[in-house]
């Protein structure tokens, strides 16, 4: 199967399952993926064979979209999506969706802030016993010089 046939079959299979924006995004992604792999020196037929059947790929994309839409109904969570090339069926890219609850993100941010504050205060606790006397001595010398005693 050549690139044009693969892309056309994928587009036709996606068009009946997902909205046009998802179709466009995925067609652009797979065209770029094929181009990148060919530039790396792989044979176009080998790359397309590695991606597998475009109808199966379209079904997987549609299923991932349905899961993402269903999980986005849950408020208070953040979603991280990344694509891991060469880990899907037949060596093609596979989309992984991970959800991190919002409370966990907030907890991590608060913990990081507490650690930063603890580090700052621990440094100050070491330096203040030196800084305060030095500042007092400097202040006394300035006062003495201004008053004319020295």
N, C-alpha and C. Protein backbone atom coordinates (compact mmCIF):
# COMPACT_ATOMS: atom_id res chain seq x y z
N UNK A 1 0.85 -1.17 0.00
CA UNK A 1 0.00 0.00 0.00
C UNK A 1 0.90 1.24 0.00
N UNK A 2 0.54 2.22 -0.80
CA UNK A 2 1.35 3.44 -0.84
C UNK A 2 0.78 4.49 0.12
N UNK A 3 1.50 5.59 0.27
CA UNK A 3 1.15 6.66 1.21
C UNK A 3 -0.23 7.24 0.92
N UNK A 4 -0.52 7.55 -0.34
CA UNK A 4 -1.79 8.18 -0.71
C UNK A 4 -2.96 7.26 -0.38
N UNK A 5 -2.83 5.99 -0.71
CA UNK A 5 -3.90 5.03 -0.41
C UNK A 5 -4.10 4.90 1.09
N UNK A 6 -3.02 4.80 1.84
CA UNK A 6 -3.11 4.69 3.29
C UNK A 6 -3.82 5.90 3.88
N UNK A 7 -3.38 7.10 3.49
CA UNK A 7 -3.97 8.34 4.03
C UNK A 7 -5.44 8.44 3.63
N UNK A 8 -5.78 8.10 2.40
CA UNK A 8 -7.19 8.17 1.96
C UNK A 8 -8.06 7.18 2.73
N UNK A 9 -7.57 5.95 2.93
CA UNK A 9 -8.34 4.97 3.70
C UNK A 9 -8.50 5.40 5.15
N UNK A 10 -7.43 5.95 5.73
CA UNK A 10 -7.51 6.44 7.10
C UNK A 10 -8.50 7.58 7.21
N UNK A 11 -8.45 8.50 6.25
CA UNK A 11 -9.36 9.65 6.26
C UNK A 11 -10.81 9.18 6.14
N UNK A 12 -11.07 8.23 5.25
CA UNK A 12 -12.43 7.73 5.06
C UNK A 12 -12.92 7.01 6.32
N UNK A 13 -12.06 6.21 6.93
CA UNK A 13 -12.45 5.48 8.14
C UNK A 13 -12.66 6.43 9.31
N UNK A 14 -11.84 7.46 9.42
CA UNK A 14 -11.99 8.42 10.52
C UNK A 14 -13.23 9.30 10.33
N UNK A 15 -13.52 9.66 9.10
CA UNK A 15 -14.63 10.58 8.82
C UNK A 15 -15.96 10.04 9.33
N UNK A 16 -16.10 8.73 9.32
CA UNK A 16 -17.37 8.15 9.78
C UNK A 16 -17.41 7.95 11.29
N UNK A 17 -16.29 8.22 11.98
CA UNK A 17 -16.22 7.93 13.42
C UNK A 17 -16.00 9.16 14.30
N UNK A 18 -15.28 10.17 13.81
CA UNK A 18 -14.92 11.32 14.64
C UNK A 18 -15.19 12.62 13.87
N UNK A 19 -15.08 13.75 14.58
CA UNK A 19 -15.35 15.03 13.93
C UNK A 19 -14.21 15.43 13.00
N UNK A 20 -14.46 16.43 12.17
CA UNK A 20 -13.50 16.81 11.13
C UNK A 20 -12.18 17.34 11.70
N UNK A 21 -12.23 17.97 12.87
CA UNK A 21 -11.00 18.47 13.48
C UNK A 21 -10.08 17.31 13.85
N UNK A 22 -10.64 16.27 14.42
CA UNK A 22 -9.85 15.09 14.79
C UNK A 22 -9.31 14.41 13.54
N UNK A 23 -10.12 14.37 12.49
CA UNK A 23 -9.66 13.78 11.22
C UNK A 23 -8.45 14.55 10.71
N UNK A 24 -8.57 15.88 10.67
CA UNK A 24 -7.48 16.71 10.15
C UNK A 24 -6.22 16.55 10.99
N UNK A 25 -6.37 16.58 12.32
CA UNK A 25 -5.21 16.45 13.20
C UNK A 25 -4.49 15.12 12.97
N UNK A 26 -5.25 14.05 12.87
CA UNK A 26 -4.64 12.73 12.71
C UNK A 26 -4.05 12.53 11.32
N UNK A 27 -4.71 13.04 10.29
CA UNK A 27 -4.15 12.93 8.94
C UNK A 27 -2.83 13.69 8.87
N UNK A 28 -2.81 14.90 9.43
CA UNK A 28 -1.56 15.68 9.45
C UNK A 28 -0.48 14.94 10.23
N UNK A 29 -0.87 14.37 11.37
CA UNK A 29 0.11 13.65 12.20
C UNK A 29 0.70 12.47 11.43
N UNK A 30 -0.13 11.64 10.82
CA UNK A 30 0.38 10.44 10.14
C UNK A 30 1.14 10.79 8.87
N UNK A 31 0.74 11.84 8.17
CA UNK A 31 1.54 12.28 7.02
C UNK A 31 2.93 12.71 7.48
N UNK A 32 2.98 13.48 8.56
CA UNK A 32 4.27 13.93 9.10
C UNK A 32 5.09 12.74 9.62
N UNK A 33 4.42 11.79 10.26
CA UNK A 33 5.12 10.60 10.77
C UNK A 33 5.76 9.82 9.62
N UNK A 34 5.00 9.61 8.56
CA UNK A 34 5.52 8.86 7.41
C UNK A 34 6.69 9.63 6.79
N UNK A 35 6.53 10.95 6.61
CA UNK A 35 7.61 11.76 6.04
C UNK A 35 8.87 11.70 6.90
N UNK A 36 8.71 11.79 8.20
CA UNK A 36 9.85 11.76 9.12
C UNK A 36 10.58 10.42 9.03
N UNK A 37 9.83 9.34 9.03
CA UNK A 37 10.45 8.02 8.97
C UNK A 37 11.15 7.79 7.64
N UNK A 38 10.56 8.30 6.55
CA UNK A 38 11.20 8.16 5.23
C UNK A 38 12.49 8.97 5.20
N UNK A 39 12.47 10.18 5.82
CA UNK A 39 13.69 11.00 5.88
C UNK A 39 14.78 10.31 6.71
N UNK A 40 14.37 9.49 7.66
CA UNK A 40 15.34 8.76 8.48
C UNK A 40 15.98 7.61 7.69
N UNK A 41 15.42 7.33 6.52
CA UNK A 41 16.00 6.28 5.69
C UNK A 41 15.16 5.02 5.58
N UNK A 42 14.02 5.00 6.25
CA UNK A 42 13.17 3.81 6.15
C UNK A 42 12.40 3.84 4.84
N UNK A 43 12.07 2.68 4.34
CA UNK A 43 11.28 2.53 3.13
C UNK A 43 9.83 2.90 3.44
N UNK A 44 9.18 3.63 2.51
CA UNK A 44 7.79 4.07 2.72
C UNK A 44 6.86 2.88 2.96
N UNK A 45 7.02 1.82 2.18
CA UNK A 45 6.17 0.63 2.36
C UNK A 45 6.37 0.02 3.74
N UNK A 46 7.61 0.01 4.21
CA UNK A 46 7.93 -0.53 5.53
C UNK A 46 7.25 0.30 6.63
N UNK A 47 7.29 1.61 6.49
CA UNK A 47 6.66 2.50 7.47
C UNK A 47 5.15 2.27 7.50
N UNK A 48 4.54 2.22 6.33
CA UNK A 48 3.09 2.06 6.25
C UNK A 48 2.67 0.68 6.75
N UNK A 49 3.45 -0.34 6.44
CA UNK A 49 3.17 -1.67 6.96
C UNK A 49 3.27 -1.68 8.48
N UNK A 50 4.24 -0.96 9.02
CA UNK A 50 4.40 -0.86 10.47
C UNK A 50 3.23 -0.19 11.15
N UNK A 51 2.58 0.73 10.45
CA UNK A 51 1.41 1.40 11.04
C UNK A 51 0.20 0.48 11.10
N UNK A 52 0.14 -0.48 10.23
CA UNK A 52 -0.97 -1.42 10.25
C UNK A 52 -2.13 -0.97 9.38
N UNK A 53 -3.25 -1.64 9.56
CA UNK A 53 -4.45 -1.37 8.77
C UNK A 53 -5.03 -0.01 9.15
N UNK A 54 -5.26 0.87 8.17
CA UNK A 54 -5.79 2.21 8.49
C UNK A 54 -7.17 2.17 9.15
N UNK A 55 -7.97 1.15 8.84
CA UNK A 55 -9.31 1.05 9.47
C UNK A 55 -9.17 0.70 10.95
N UNK A 56 -8.24 -0.19 11.28
CA UNK A 56 -7.99 -0.53 12.68
C UNK A 56 -7.42 0.67 13.43
N UNK A 57 -6.52 1.37 12.77
CA UNK A 57 -5.94 2.59 13.34
C UNK A 57 -7.04 3.63 13.61
N UNK A 58 -7.95 3.79 12.66
CA UNK A 58 -9.06 4.74 12.83
C UNK A 58 -9.95 4.32 13.99
N UNK A 59 -10.19 3.03 14.13
CA UNK A 59 -11.01 2.56 15.25
C UNK A 59 -10.33 2.85 16.58
N UNK A 60 -9.01 2.63 16.65
CA UNK A 60 -8.27 2.93 17.88
C UNK A 60 -8.30 4.42 18.21
N UNK A 61 -8.17 5.25 17.19
CA UNK A 61 -8.23 6.71 17.40
C UNK A 61 -9.61 7.11 17.89
N UNK A 62 -10.65 6.55 17.27
CA UNK A 62 -12.02 6.87 17.69
C UNK A 62 -12.27 6.41 19.12
N UNK A 63 -11.78 5.23 19.47
CA UNK A 63 -11.94 4.74 20.85
C UNK A 63 -11.22 5.65 21.84
N UNK A 64 -10.02 6.09 21.48
CA UNK A 64 -9.27 6.99 22.35
C UNK A 64 -10.00 8.32 22.51
N UNK A 65 -10.60 8.80 21.43
CA UNK A 65 -11.37 10.05 21.51
C UNK A 65 -12.59 9.88 22.41
N UNK A 66 -13.26 8.73 22.31
CA UNK A 66 -14.42 8.48 23.17
C UNK A 66 -14.01 8.43 24.64
N UNK A 67 -12.89 7.75 24.93
CA UNK A 67 -12.40 7.69 26.32
C UNK A 67 -12.02 9.08 26.81
N UNK A 68 -11.37 9.85 25.96
CA UNK A 68 -10.96 11.20 26.36
C UNK A 68 -12.19 12.07 26.60
N UNK A 69 -13.21 11.94 25.76
CA UNK A 69 -14.42 12.73 25.94
C UNK A 69 -15.16 12.32 27.20
N UNK A 70 -15.20 11.02 27.47
CA UNK A 70 -15.89 10.54 28.68
C UNK A 70 -15.14 10.97 29.92
N UNK A 71 -13.84 10.92 29.89
CA UNK A 71 -13.08 11.28 31.09
C UNK A 71 -13.02 12.79 31.28
N UNK A 72 -13.20 13.57 30.22
CA UNK A 72 -13.19 15.02 30.38
C UNK A 72 -14.46 15.51 31.05
N UNK A 73 -15.45 14.66 31.17
CA UNK A 73 -16.67 15.02 31.88
C UNK A 73 -16.41 15.12 33.38
N UNK A 74 -15.36 14.45 33.85
CA UNK A 74 -15.02 14.52 35.27
C UNK A 74 -14.30 15.84 35.52
N UNK A 75 -14.91 16.68 36.35
CA UNK A 75 -14.27 17.95 36.67
C UNK A 75 -13.19 17.70 37.70
N UNK A 76 -12.24 18.63 37.74
CA UNK A 76 -11.20 18.55 38.76
C UNK A 76 -10.09 17.59 38.41
N UNK A 77 -9.85 17.36 37.14
CA UNK A 77 -8.70 16.54 36.77
C UNK A 77 -7.98 17.19 35.61
N UNK A 78 -6.69 16.93 35.53
CA UNK A 78 -5.91 17.44 34.43
C UNK A 78 -5.49 16.25 33.58
N UNK A 79 -5.37 16.48 32.28
CA UNK A 79 -5.11 15.39 31.36
C UNK A 79 -3.78 15.62 30.66
N UNK A 80 -2.96 14.59 30.63
CA UNK A 80 -1.70 14.65 29.93
C UNK A 80 -1.72 13.59 28.84
N UNK A 81 -1.54 14.02 27.60
CA UNK A 81 -1.56 13.10 26.48
C UNK A 81 -0.20 13.17 25.80
N UNK A 82 0.37 12.01 25.55
CA UNK A 82 1.60 12.00 24.79
C UNK A 82 1.58 10.80 23.87
N UNK A 83 2.36 10.90 22.81
CA UNK A 83 2.42 9.82 21.85
C UNK A 83 3.79 9.17 21.93
N UNK A 84 3.76 7.88 21.99
CA UNK A 84 4.99 7.11 22.11
C UNK A 84 5.20 6.38 20.80
N UNK A 85 6.09 6.88 19.96
CA UNK A 85 6.30 6.29 18.65
C UNK A 85 6.86 4.88 18.79
N UNK A 86 6.51 4.05 17.86
CA UNK A 86 6.99 2.67 17.77
C UNK A 86 6.58 1.81 18.96
N UNK A 87 5.47 2.13 19.63
CA UNK A 87 5.05 1.26 20.72
C UNK A 87 3.64 0.70 20.48
N UNK A 88 3.01 1.11 19.42
CA UNK A 88 1.65 0.66 19.15
C UNK A 88 1.64 -0.66 18.42
N UNK A 89 0.48 -1.01 17.96
CA UNK A 89 0.32 -2.26 17.23
C UNK A 89 1.14 -2.21 15.95
N UNK A 90 1.86 -3.23 15.65
CA UNK A 90 2.72 -3.33 14.47
C UNK A 90 3.81 -2.26 14.46
N UNK A 91 4.23 -1.80 15.62
CA UNK A 91 5.32 -0.83 15.68
C UNK A 91 4.93 0.60 15.41
N UNK A 92 3.65 0.88 15.21
CA UNK A 92 3.21 2.25 14.94
C UNK A 92 3.01 3.03 16.21
N UNK A 93 2.71 4.31 16.09
CA UNK A 93 2.53 5.13 17.29
C UNK A 93 1.28 4.74 18.06
N UNK A 94 1.35 4.91 19.35
CA UNK A 94 0.23 4.56 20.22
C UNK A 94 -0.04 5.75 21.13
N UNK A 95 -1.26 6.16 21.24
CA UNK A 95 -1.62 7.31 22.06
C UNK A 95 -1.91 6.83 23.48
N UNK A 96 -1.29 7.49 24.47
CA UNK A 96 -1.53 7.15 25.86
C UNK A 96 -2.12 8.38 26.54
N UNK A 97 -3.16 8.19 27.32
CA UNK A 97 -3.81 9.29 28.02
C UNK A 97 -3.69 9.02 29.51
N UNK A 98 -3.13 9.97 30.24
CA UNK A 98 -2.99 9.86 31.69
C UNK A 98 -3.73 11.00 32.34
N UNK A 99 -4.50 10.70 33.38
CA UNK A 99 -5.25 11.72 34.10
C UNK A 99 -4.65 11.88 35.49
N UNK A 100 -4.41 13.12 35.87
CA UNK A 100 -3.91 13.42 37.20
C UNK A 100 -4.98 14.26 37.89
N UNK A 101 -5.48 13.81 39.03
CA UNK A 101 -6.52 14.58 39.72
C UNK A 101 -6.00 15.96 40.11
N UNK A 102 -6.88 16.94 40.06
CA UNK A 102 -6.52 18.31 40.37
C UNK A 102 -6.00 18.44 41.79
N UNK A 103 -6.59 17.69 42.74
CA UNK A 103 -6.14 17.79 44.13
C UNK A 103 -4.69 17.34 44.26
N UNK A 104 -4.29 16.36 43.44
CA UNK A 104 -2.91 15.88 43.49
C UNK A 104 -1.95 16.94 42.94
N UNK A 105 -2.35 17.62 41.88
CA UNK A 105 -1.53 18.69 41.32
C UNK A 105 -1.36 19.80 42.36
N UNK A 106 -2.45 20.19 43.03
CA UNK A 106 -2.40 21.24 44.05
C UNK A 106 -1.51 20.79 45.20
N UNK A 107 -1.65 19.55 45.63
CA UNK A 107 -0.84 19.03 46.73
C UNK A 107 0.65 19.08 46.39
N UNK A 108 1.00 18.71 45.19
CA UNK A 108 2.40 18.73 44.76
C UNK A 108 2.94 20.16 44.74
N UNK A 109 2.14 21.09 44.23
CA UNK A 109 2.56 22.49 44.19
C UNK A 109 2.78 23.02 45.60
N UNK A 110 1.85 22.72 46.52
CA UNK A 110 1.98 23.18 47.90
C UNK A 110 3.23 22.57 48.55
N UNK A 111 3.47 21.29 48.33
CA UNK A 111 4.66 20.65 48.90
C UNK A 111 5.95 21.27 48.37
N UNK A 112 5.98 21.59 47.09
CA UNK A 112 7.17 22.22 46.52
C UNK A 112 7.39 23.59 47.15
N UNK A 113 6.31 24.36 47.32
CA UNK A 113 6.43 25.68 47.96
C UNK A 113 6.93 25.55 49.39
N UNK A 114 6.41 24.58 50.13
CA UNK A 114 6.85 24.37 51.51
C UNK A 114 8.33 24.00 51.54
N UNK A 115 8.77 23.16 50.63
CA UNK A 115 10.19 22.79 50.58
C UNK A 115 11.07 23.99 50.26
N UNK A 116 10.63 24.84 49.35
CA UNK A 116 11.40 26.04 49.02
C UNK A 116 11.50 26.96 50.23
N UNK A 117 10.36 27.19 50.91
CA UNK A 117 10.37 28.04 52.10
C UNK A 117 11.25 27.44 53.20
N UNK A 118 11.19 26.14 53.37
CA UNK A 118 12.02 25.48 54.38
C UNK A 118 13.50 25.67 54.06
N UNK A 119 13.86 25.57 52.80
CA UNK A 119 15.26 25.76 52.41
C UNK A 119 15.70 27.20 52.68
N UNK A 120 14.85 28.17 52.34
CA UNK A 120 15.19 29.58 52.57
C UNK A 120 15.37 29.85 54.05
N UNK A 121 14.44 29.37 54.87
CA UNK A 121 14.53 29.63 56.31
C UNK A 121 15.69 28.87 56.96
N UNK A 122 16.02 27.71 56.46
CA UNK A 122 17.17 27.00 57.04
C UNK A 122 18.47 27.74 56.71
N UNK A 123 18.56 28.31 55.53
CA UNK A 123 19.74 29.11 55.17
C UNK A 123 19.79 30.36 56.04
N UNK A 124 18.64 31.02 56.21
CA UNK A 124 18.60 32.22 57.06
C UNK A 124 18.95 31.90 58.51
N UNK A 125 18.51 30.76 59.00
CA UNK A 125 18.81 30.41 60.40
C UNK A 125 20.31 30.21 60.62
N UNK A 126 21.02 29.83 59.59
CA UNK A 126 22.47 29.68 59.69
C UNK A 126 23.15 31.04 59.56
N UNK A 127 22.64 31.89 58.68
CA UNK A 127 23.30 33.17 58.41
C UNK A 127 22.93 34.28 59.38
N UNK A 128 21.73 34.28 59.94
CA UNK A 128 21.30 35.37 60.81
C UNK A 128 22.17 35.55 62.05
N UNK A 129 22.64 34.50 62.71
CA UNK A 129 23.53 34.73 63.86
C UNK A 129 24.82 35.48 63.49
N UNK A 130 25.19 35.44 62.24
CA UNK A 130 26.37 36.18 61.80
C UNK A 130 25.96 37.56 61.27
N UNK A 131 24.90 37.62 60.52
CA UNK A 131 24.47 38.87 59.89
C UNK A 131 24.04 39.91 60.93
N UNK A 132 23.28 39.53 61.93
CA UNK A 132 22.76 40.49 62.92
C UNK A 132 23.90 41.17 63.69
N UNK A 133 24.86 40.44 64.26
CA UNK A 133 25.96 41.15 64.95
C UNK A 133 26.79 42.04 64.02
N UNK A 134 27.05 41.58 62.82
CA UNK A 134 27.82 42.39 61.86
C UNK A 134 27.05 43.66 61.53
N UNK A 135 25.74 43.54 61.32
CA UNK A 135 24.92 44.71 61.03
C UNK A 135 24.91 45.67 62.21
N UNK A 136 24.86 45.16 63.43
CA UNK A 136 24.89 46.00 64.63
C UNK A 136 26.21 46.75 64.75
N UNK A 137 27.32 46.07 64.51
CA UNK A 137 28.64 46.70 64.58
C UNK A 137 28.75 47.80 63.53
N UNK A 138 28.31 47.53 62.33
CA UNK A 138 28.36 48.54 61.25
C UNK A 138 27.49 49.74 61.63
N UNK A 139 26.30 49.50 62.16
CA UNK A 139 25.41 50.57 62.58
C UNK A 139 26.04 51.42 63.68
N UNK A 140 26.67 50.77 64.65
CA UNK A 140 27.32 51.51 65.74
C UNK A 140 28.46 52.37 65.20
N UNK A 141 29.30 51.84 64.32
CA UNK A 141 30.38 52.63 63.74
C UNK A 141 29.86 53.84 62.98
N UNK A 142 28.80 53.67 62.22
CA UNK A 142 28.22 54.79 61.48
C UNK A 142 27.69 55.86 62.42
N UNK A 143 27.00 55.42 63.48
CA UNK A 143 26.47 56.38 64.45
C UNK A 143 27.60 57.13 65.15
N UNK A 144 28.65 56.41 65.49
CA UNK A 144 29.79 57.03 66.18
C UNK A 144 30.48 58.03 65.25
N UNK A 145 30.67 57.70 64.00
CA UNK A 145 31.31 58.60 63.04
C UNK A 145 30.47 59.86 62.82
N UNK A 146 29.15 59.69 62.69
CA UNK A 146 28.27 60.85 62.47
C UNK A 146 28.24 61.78 63.68
N UNK A 147 28.32 61.20 64.84
CA UNK A 147 28.25 62.04 66.05
C UNK A 147 29.58 62.75 66.31
N UNK A 148 30.62 62.32 65.65
CA UNK A 148 31.91 62.98 65.78
C UNK A 148 32.77 62.45 66.90
N UNK A 149 32.47 61.38 67.50
CA UNK A 149 33.28 60.83 68.58
C UNK A 149 34.58 60.24 68.07
N UNK A 150 34.61 59.83 66.80
CA UNK A 150 35.85 59.26 66.24
C UNK A 150 36.42 60.13 65.17
